[in-house]
Protein backbone atom coordinates (compact mmCIF):
# COMPACT_ATOMS: atom_id res chain seq x y z
CA MET A 1 35.52 -8.12 267.79
CA ARG A 2 33.19 -7.06 265.34
CA LEU A 3 35.44 -5.11 263.35
CA LEU A 4 38.41 -7.90 262.87
CA ALA A 5 35.04 -10.43 262.11
CA PHE A 6 34.06 -7.72 258.98
CA LEU A 7 37.58 -7.73 257.87
CA LEU A 8 37.99 -11.27 258.04
CA ALA A 9 35.10 -11.75 256.37
CA LEU A 10 36.47 -9.32 253.54
CA LEU A 11 39.21 -11.17 253.55
CA CYS A 12 37.73 -14.23 253.20
CA ALA A 13 35.92 -13.15 250.09
CA ALA A 14 39.08 -12.38 248.61
CA LEU A 15 40.60 -15.64 248.39
CA PRO A 16 40.05 -18.43 245.95
CA ALA A 17 39.49 -21.51 247.88
CA ALA A 18 37.24 -24.39 247.55
CA ALA A 19 33.53 -23.60 248.35
CA ASP A 20 33.10 -26.04 251.00
CA GLU A 21 35.71 -24.52 253.07
CA PRO A 22 34.77 -20.89 253.82
CA ALA A 23 35.29 -21.61 257.13
CA ARG A 24 39.37 -22.01 256.73
CA LEU A 25 40.02 -19.01 254.49
CA ALA A 26 40.92 -15.94 257.14
CA PRO A 27 43.15 -18.67 258.65
CA GLN A 28 44.70 -19.55 255.16
CA LEU A 29 45.75 -16.45 254.63
CA LEU A 30 47.15 -15.72 257.98
CA ASP A 31 48.94 -18.75 258.05
CA ALA A 32 51.44 -16.89 255.50
CA ILE A 33 52.44 -14.99 258.23
CA VAL A 34 55.40 -16.82 260.33
CA LYS A 35 57.47 -16.37 263.08
CA LEU A 36 60.82 -15.35 262.60
CA ARG A 37 63.32 -16.16 264.86
CA SER A 38 67.53 -15.28 263.98
CA HIS A 39 70.76 -15.59 265.36
CA VAL A 40 73.33 -13.17 265.04
CA PRO A 41 77.08 -13.29 266.43
CA SER A 42 77.89 -11.45 269.55
CA ASP A 43 80.08 -8.95 267.98
CA ALA A 44 77.73 -8.13 265.15
CA ARG A 45 78.05 -4.47 264.87
CA THR A 46 74.53 -4.35 265.21
CA ALA A 47 74.54 -6.67 268.55
CA PRO A 48 74.63 -4.62 271.08
CA TYR A 49 71.37 -2.71 270.99
CA LEU A 50 69.56 -5.03 268.94
CA GLY A 51 71.00 -8.36 270.65
CA THR A 52 71.75 -11.60 269.15
CA GLU A 53 68.61 -13.40 269.58
CA ARG A 54 65.64 -11.68 267.74
CA GLU A 55 62.14 -12.46 266.84
CA GLY A 56 59.03 -11.30 264.82
CA SER A 57 57.28 -11.77 262.01
CA GLY A 58 57.54 -12.38 258.20
CA VAL A 59 55.19 -12.20 255.33
CA LEU A 60 55.11 -15.01 252.67
CA ILE A 61 55.22 -13.19 249.23
CA ASP A 62 55.80 -16.35 246.57
CA ALA A 63 55.64 -19.60 246.10
CA ASP A 64 58.82 -20.35 246.31
CA GLY A 65 59.47 -19.46 250.10
CA LEU A 66 60.30 -15.87 249.73
CA ILE A 67 59.55 -13.93 253.38
CA VAL A 68 59.45 -9.52 253.78
CA THR A 69 60.33 -9.00 256.87
CA ILE A 70 61.95 -5.65 258.64
CA GLY A 71 65.37 -5.76 257.72
CA TYR A 72 66.60 -4.99 262.09
CA LEU A 73 65.34 -8.59 262.28
CA VAL A 74 67.69 -10.03 260.08
CA THR A 75 71.23 -7.82 259.98
CA GLU A 76 73.90 -9.66 260.61
CA ALA A 77 72.62 -12.76 261.58
CA MET A 78 74.27 -16.18 260.83
CA ALA A 79 71.12 -18.18 261.40
CA VAL A 80 67.24 -17.65 260.46
CA GLU A 81 64.56 -19.93 261.39
CA ILE A 82 60.47 -19.92 260.40
CA VAL A 83 58.29 -21.04 262.46
CA ALA A 84 54.65 -21.80 261.11
CA ASN A 85 51.65 -21.25 262.58
CA ASN A 86 51.07 -25.11 262.77
CA GLY A 87 54.64 -25.02 265.11
CA HIS A 88 56.43 -26.26 261.78
CA ALA A 89 60.05 -25.35 261.80
CA THR A 90 62.37 -24.48 258.62
CA PRO A 91 65.49 -22.70 258.04
CA ALA A 92 65.82 -19.69 256.13
CA THR A 93 68.63 -18.37 254.42
CA ILE A 94 69.11 -14.46 254.31
CA ILE A 95 68.23 -12.79 250.52
CA GLY A 96 69.16 -9.24 251.32
CA PHE A 97 68.20 -6.12 253.24
CA ASP A 98 67.52 -2.60 251.78
CA SER A 99 68.61 0.08 254.48
CA GLU A 100 67.23 2.86 252.66
CA SER A 101 63.59 1.20 253.53
CA GLY A 102 64.42 -0.83 256.24
CA LEU A 103 63.33 -4.02 254.18
CA GLY A 104 64.47 -7.48 254.21
CA LEU A 105 63.47 -10.65 252.68
CA VAL A 106 64.30 -13.93 253.57
CA ARG A 107 63.58 -17.45 251.93
CA ALA A 108 62.77 -20.56 253.53
CA VAL A 109 64.49 -23.84 252.84
CA GLY A 110 61.59 -26.39 253.75
CA HIS A 111 58.09 -25.91 252.25
CA LEU A 112 55.58 -23.90 253.90
CA GLU A 113 51.97 -24.58 253.71
CA ALA A 114 50.81 -21.47 253.08
CA ARG A 115 49.21 -19.26 250.24
CA PRO A 116 51.10 -15.89 249.35
CA ILE A 117 49.69 -12.73 250.11
CA PRO A 118 49.66 -10.63 247.08
CA LEU A 119 51.38 -7.27 247.23
CA GLY A 120 49.54 -4.26 247.25
CA SER A 121 49.62 -0.74 247.08
CA ALA A 122 50.07 2.01 250.20
CA ALA A 123 47.71 4.25 247.60
CA ASP A 124 44.87 2.53 249.23
CA ALA A 125 46.51 2.72 252.89
CA THR A 126 44.13 6.20 252.98
CA VAL A 127 43.49 7.98 256.80
CA LYS A 128 40.68 6.26 258.46
CA GLN A 129 40.96 3.27 256.55
CA PRO A 130 40.45 0.33 258.22
CA VAL A 131 43.32 -2.38 258.20
CA LEU A 132 44.37 -5.67 259.99
CA VAL A 133 47.35 -5.76 261.45
CA ALA A 134 48.73 -9.53 261.53
CA SER A 135 51.36 -11.08 263.14
CA PHE A 136 52.58 -14.55 263.49
CA GLY A 137 50.05 -17.10 265.55
CA GLY A 138 47.26 -16.87 263.12
CA ILE A 139 43.81 -14.92 264.01
CA GLU A 140 45.01 -14.70 267.63
CA GLY A 141 48.16 -12.47 266.38
CA ALA A 142 45.34 -10.57 264.25
CA GLN A 143 44.01 -6.94 265.03
CA PRO A 144 41.53 -4.48 263.80
CA ALA A 145 43.16 -1.10 263.20
CA ILE A 146 42.63 2.19 261.39
CA VAL A 147 45.71 3.94 259.68
CA ALA A 148 45.76 6.78 261.80
CA ALA A 149 47.95 9.07 259.38
CA ARG A 150 50.21 9.14 256.80
CA ARG A 151 53.74 11.56 256.64
CA PRO A 152 57.33 11.06 256.31
CA PHE A 153 59.11 9.60 259.10
CA ALA A 154 62.40 10.69 260.20
CA GLY A 155 64.64 8.25 262.06
CA TYR A 156 67.66 9.08 264.61
CA TRP A 157 69.45 6.01 262.94
CA GLU A 158 70.30 8.19 259.56
CA TYR A 159 66.98 7.40 258.79
CA LEU A 160 63.99 8.68 256.47
CA LEU A 161 60.95 7.41 255.30
CA ASP A 162 58.69 9.08 252.93
CA GLY A 163 54.83 8.47 253.34
CA ALA A 164 54.97 5.98 255.99
CA ILE A 165 51.98 4.72 256.98
CA PHE A 166 50.74 4.72 260.70
CA THR A 167 47.98 3.35 262.46
CA ALA A 168 46.03 2.94 265.56
CA PRO A 169 45.61 1.10 267.96
CA PRO A 170 49.06 -0.28 268.70
CA HIS A 171 49.82 -4.08 267.77
CA HIS A 172 52.00 -5.07 270.59
CA GLU A 173 53.52 -7.81 268.21
CA TRP A 174 54.45 -5.40 265.43
CA GLY A 175 58.32 -6.38 264.12
CA GLY A 176 57.61 -7.36 260.83
CA ALA A 177 54.08 -7.49 261.31
CA ALA A 178 51.75 -7.38 257.87
CA LEU A 179 49.38 -4.42 257.37
CA LEU A 180 46.57 -6.13 255.27
CA SER A 181 43.90 -4.18 253.29
CA ALA A 182 40.16 -4.98 253.34
CA GLU A 183 41.41 -6.88 249.76
CA GLY A 184 43.77 -9.12 251.55
CA ARG A 185 46.83 -7.42 250.16
CA LEU A 186 49.78 -6.37 251.82
CA LEU A 187 50.19 -2.98 252.51
CA GLY A 188 53.24 -2.57 254.10
CA ILE A 189 55.66 -4.05 256.71
CA GLY A 190 55.65 -3.00 260.34
CA SER A 191 58.69 -1.27 261.54
CA LEU A 192 57.94 0.36 264.99
CA ALA A 193 55.28 1.10 267.91
CA LEU A 194 55.37 4.71 268.82
CA ALA A 195 53.60 6.51 271.44
CA ASP A 196 52.29 8.93 269.25
CA VAL A 197 51.03 8.61 265.44
CA VAL A 198 49.12 11.54 265.51
CA HIS A 199 49.96 14.98 266.00
CA GLY A 200 47.74 16.61 268.35
CA GLU A 201 46.99 17.59 271.95
CA GLN A 202 46.35 13.91 273.08
CA PRO A 203 48.86 11.02 272.39
CA VAL A 204 47.31 8.48 270.10
CA PRO A 205 49.65 5.30 270.56
CA GLY A 206 50.20 2.79 267.55
CA ASN A 207 53.12 1.82 264.89
CA MET A 208 54.74 2.75 262.16
CA PHE A 209 54.68 0.41 258.89
CA VAL A 210 57.21 0.76 255.52
CA PRO A 211 54.88 0.85 252.70
CA ILE A 212 55.05 -2.46 250.65
CA ASP A 213 55.79 0.34 247.67
CA ARG A 214 59.36 0.39 248.59
CA LEU A 215 60.08 -2.92 248.26
CA LYS A 216 58.94 -2.83 244.64
CA PRO A 217 61.87 -1.26 242.76
CA VAL A 218 64.62 -2.78 244.80
CA LEU A 219 63.20 -6.40 244.71
CA ALA A 220 65.17 -7.95 241.40
CA ASP A 221 68.38 -6.16 243.23
CA LEU A 222 68.18 -8.24 246.35
CA LEU A 223 67.18 -11.31 245.20
CA SER A 224 70.22 -10.97 242.38
CA SER A 225 73.00 -9.21 244.86
CA GLY A 226 71.20 -8.75 248.52
CA ARG A 227 71.40 -4.80 248.53
CA PRO A 228 70.18 -2.18 245.96
CA SER A 229 72.33 -1.28 242.95
CA GLY A 230 73.78 2.25 242.18
CA PRO A 231 75.57 4.48 244.55
CA SER A 232 75.09 4.28 248.08
CA ARG A 233 74.30 7.00 250.19
CA PRO A 234 76.94 8.62 252.50
CA TRP A 235 76.74 7.10 256.24
CA LEU A 236 77.99 9.38 259.23
CA GLY A 237 77.69 6.31 261.54
CA ILE A 238 75.52 8.61 264.24
CA ASN A 239 72.41 8.87 266.44
CA ALA A 240 70.50 12.16 266.72
CA GLN A 241 67.19 13.16 268.09
CA GLU A 242 65.65 16.60 268.16
CA LYS A 243 65.68 18.16 271.75
CA GLU A 244 64.45 21.77 272.55
CA GLY A 245 65.16 22.97 268.92
CA ARG A 246 68.62 21.21 268.66
CA LEU A 247 70.03 18.31 267.38
CA VAL A 248 71.43 16.29 269.79
CA VAL A 249 74.42 13.32 269.11
CA THR A 250 73.11 10.26 271.07
CA ARG A 251 74.85 7.70 269.68
CA VAL A 252 78.45 7.26 267.87
CA SER A 253 79.09 3.96 266.00
CA PRO A 254 82.26 2.45 266.96
CA GLU A 255 84.80 2.59 264.60
CA GLY A 256 82.66 4.69 262.72
CA PRO A 257 83.14 7.83 260.85
CA ALA A 258 81.80 10.03 263.03
CA GLU A 259 83.74 8.58 266.00
CA ARG A 260 87.15 8.50 264.22
CA ALA A 261 86.34 12.56 263.34
CA GLY A 262 86.05 12.98 267.12
CA ILE A 263 82.13 13.69 267.60
CA VAL A 264 81.24 12.18 270.53
CA ARG A 265 77.70 11.82 272.16
CA GLY A 266 76.40 14.76 273.29
CA ASP A 267 77.52 16.79 270.54
CA VAL A 268 75.12 19.28 268.68
CA VAL A 269 74.98 19.57 265.03
CA ARG A 270 74.30 23.17 263.87
CA THR A 271 74.92 23.15 260.14
CA ILE A 272 75.88 20.78 257.84
CA ALA A 273 78.26 22.05 254.88
CA GLY A 274 77.68 25.22 256.32
CA ARG A 275 74.14 25.17 256.29
CA PRO A 276 71.71 25.58 259.27
CA VAL A 277 70.01 22.13 260.35
CA ASN A 278 67.52 22.10 263.03
CA GLU A 279 64.84 18.81 262.17
CA LEU A 280 66.71 15.49 261.84
CA SER A 281 64.80 14.98 258.25
CA GLU A 282 66.52 18.40 257.07
CA LEU A 283 69.96 17.02 258.57
CA TRP A 284 69.31 13.32 256.40
CA GLN A 285 68.30 15.45 253.53
CA ARG A 286 70.90 17.56 253.80
CA LEU A 287 73.60 14.35 254.48
CA TRP A 288 72.93 12.48 251.45
CA GLY A 289 72.30 15.53 249.27
CA GLU A 290 76.36 15.79 249.58
CA GLY A 291 76.96 13.06 247.11
CA PRO A 292 77.91 9.36 247.54
CA ALA A 293 79.15 7.11 250.37
CA GLY A 294 82.96 8.15 250.67
CA THR A 295 82.08 12.05 250.46
CA GLU A 296 83.65 14.11 253.35
CA VAL A 297 81.20 16.12 254.82
CA THR A 298 81.66 19.34 257.09
CA LEU A 299 79.68 19.58 260.47
CA GLY A 300 79.19 22.44 262.56
CA ILE A 301 79.40 20.65 265.95
CA SER A 302 78.94 22.11 269.53
CA HIS A 303 78.98 20.98 273.06
CA GLY A 304 78.25 21.96 276.13
CA GLY A 305 77.99 25.43 274.97
CA ALA A 306 80.77 25.97 273.57
CA GLU A 307 81.59 27.43 270.50
CA PRO A 308 80.51 25.61 267.32
CA ARG A 309 83.64 23.81 265.53
CA ALA A 310 83.89 22.36 262.07
CA VAL A 311 84.62 18.58 261.96
CA THR A 312 84.96 16.81 258.78
CA VAL A 313 83.93 13.86 258.54
CA LYS A 314 84.64 11.09 255.12
CA THR A 315 81.45 9.07 254.73
CA ILE A 316 81.44 5.26 254.07
CA ASP A 317 78.92 2.79 253.03
CA ARG A 318 77.14 1.39 255.83
CA TYR A 319 76.77 -2.19 254.51
CA LYS A 320 80.65 -1.85 254.46
CA TYR A 321 80.64 -1.36 258.23
CA LEU A 322 78.34 -3.87 259.12
CA LYS A 323 79.54 -7.41 259.19
CA LEU A 324 77.80 -9.25 256.32
CA ASP A 325 79.68 -12.04 255.03
CA THR A 326 77.65 -14.60 257.20
CA THR A 327 74.89 -13.40 255.23
CA TYR A 328 74.88 -12.94 252.24
C-alpha cells in the first residue's frame, strides 16, 4: 500500500489542477480509465473463443472521447458501451483495430468527465521500474507493480510483439488496463495474464502489456480508415504452440486458408518454404517474410509420426476473414 500511495502521489504531482484540490488529483487521473463492454454477434468469427459479451478497460487519450484498448475486446463487435467510474454509461463507436499490435480504438459518443492521459514512451518501462497498473474502478482498480522483463512475445494466434512489457505481480483485470509511469503517462495497454513473466527456476506470474509506442505510427491510419495502410501480412488461420520441441497446431480457423489446404488440429509444422522452424517466433517471422497476404506458402507438415508432407496454403488478409462490416 505504501508503494501505491507513493505512485499516486507522483501521479498527483504530474497533473495540473487547482491548488485547493490536491486530494482529487489521483482519482481524476484514474477516471480516464473506463469500463468497456462490447456486444458481438453470435456468428462472428471470434465469438466461439472470445465470446459474445466482452468486458475490460479502455484509456481516454484525447478530449474528444478517443479511447485506446486491447483489440480483442472490440473485434467484430456490433455495439460498444463505455461506463465511467461514476456509473455514467455512453455508447461508443469503433474506430479501428491494428491486428499487428493488437490495439484497438473506440470513441465515446457522449462526453466523459475525465482528463485524457498523455501518451508516454515504453523506453521508460525499464526492468525493475515501479509502475501503476490500473483497470476501471478508480483507486480500487489500481495496483502497484514493477516492470519484470522486456522481451519479444510470440502468441499462438499468429502474433509477434517486439519489446513487450511484462509486469508483476499480476493484475486480475488486465484486459485493456493502463500501464502508467510515475509521471502519469501511458506506457502500455494490458493484453494477457501469464503464469511466468520472468524466465527462471521459480515461476513469476504477471501480465503482458502492448507498448503504447505501437499505437503512434498507425494512429492516423486507424482514425482515417480503421486499419493500418500498406500491404497486409499473410495469414494462415492456425493457432500453434511449442510442445516438446515441436510446433503443434492446436486450432484451425473454420473456412480459413489452413483448413482449406487440409491442415488439421494435431498437425506438426516442421518447415516453411523448405526451411526448418522450431519456435513460434521463427514460424511467424518466416511466414511474414514470404510476401504479402495472398502469397502461397509451402509448409512441411507431419501428423502422428508419419513422414512430413508438403502442404501449400494460399494465405489471405486476416481483416477480410473477420466480419467487420458492423464495426468500420
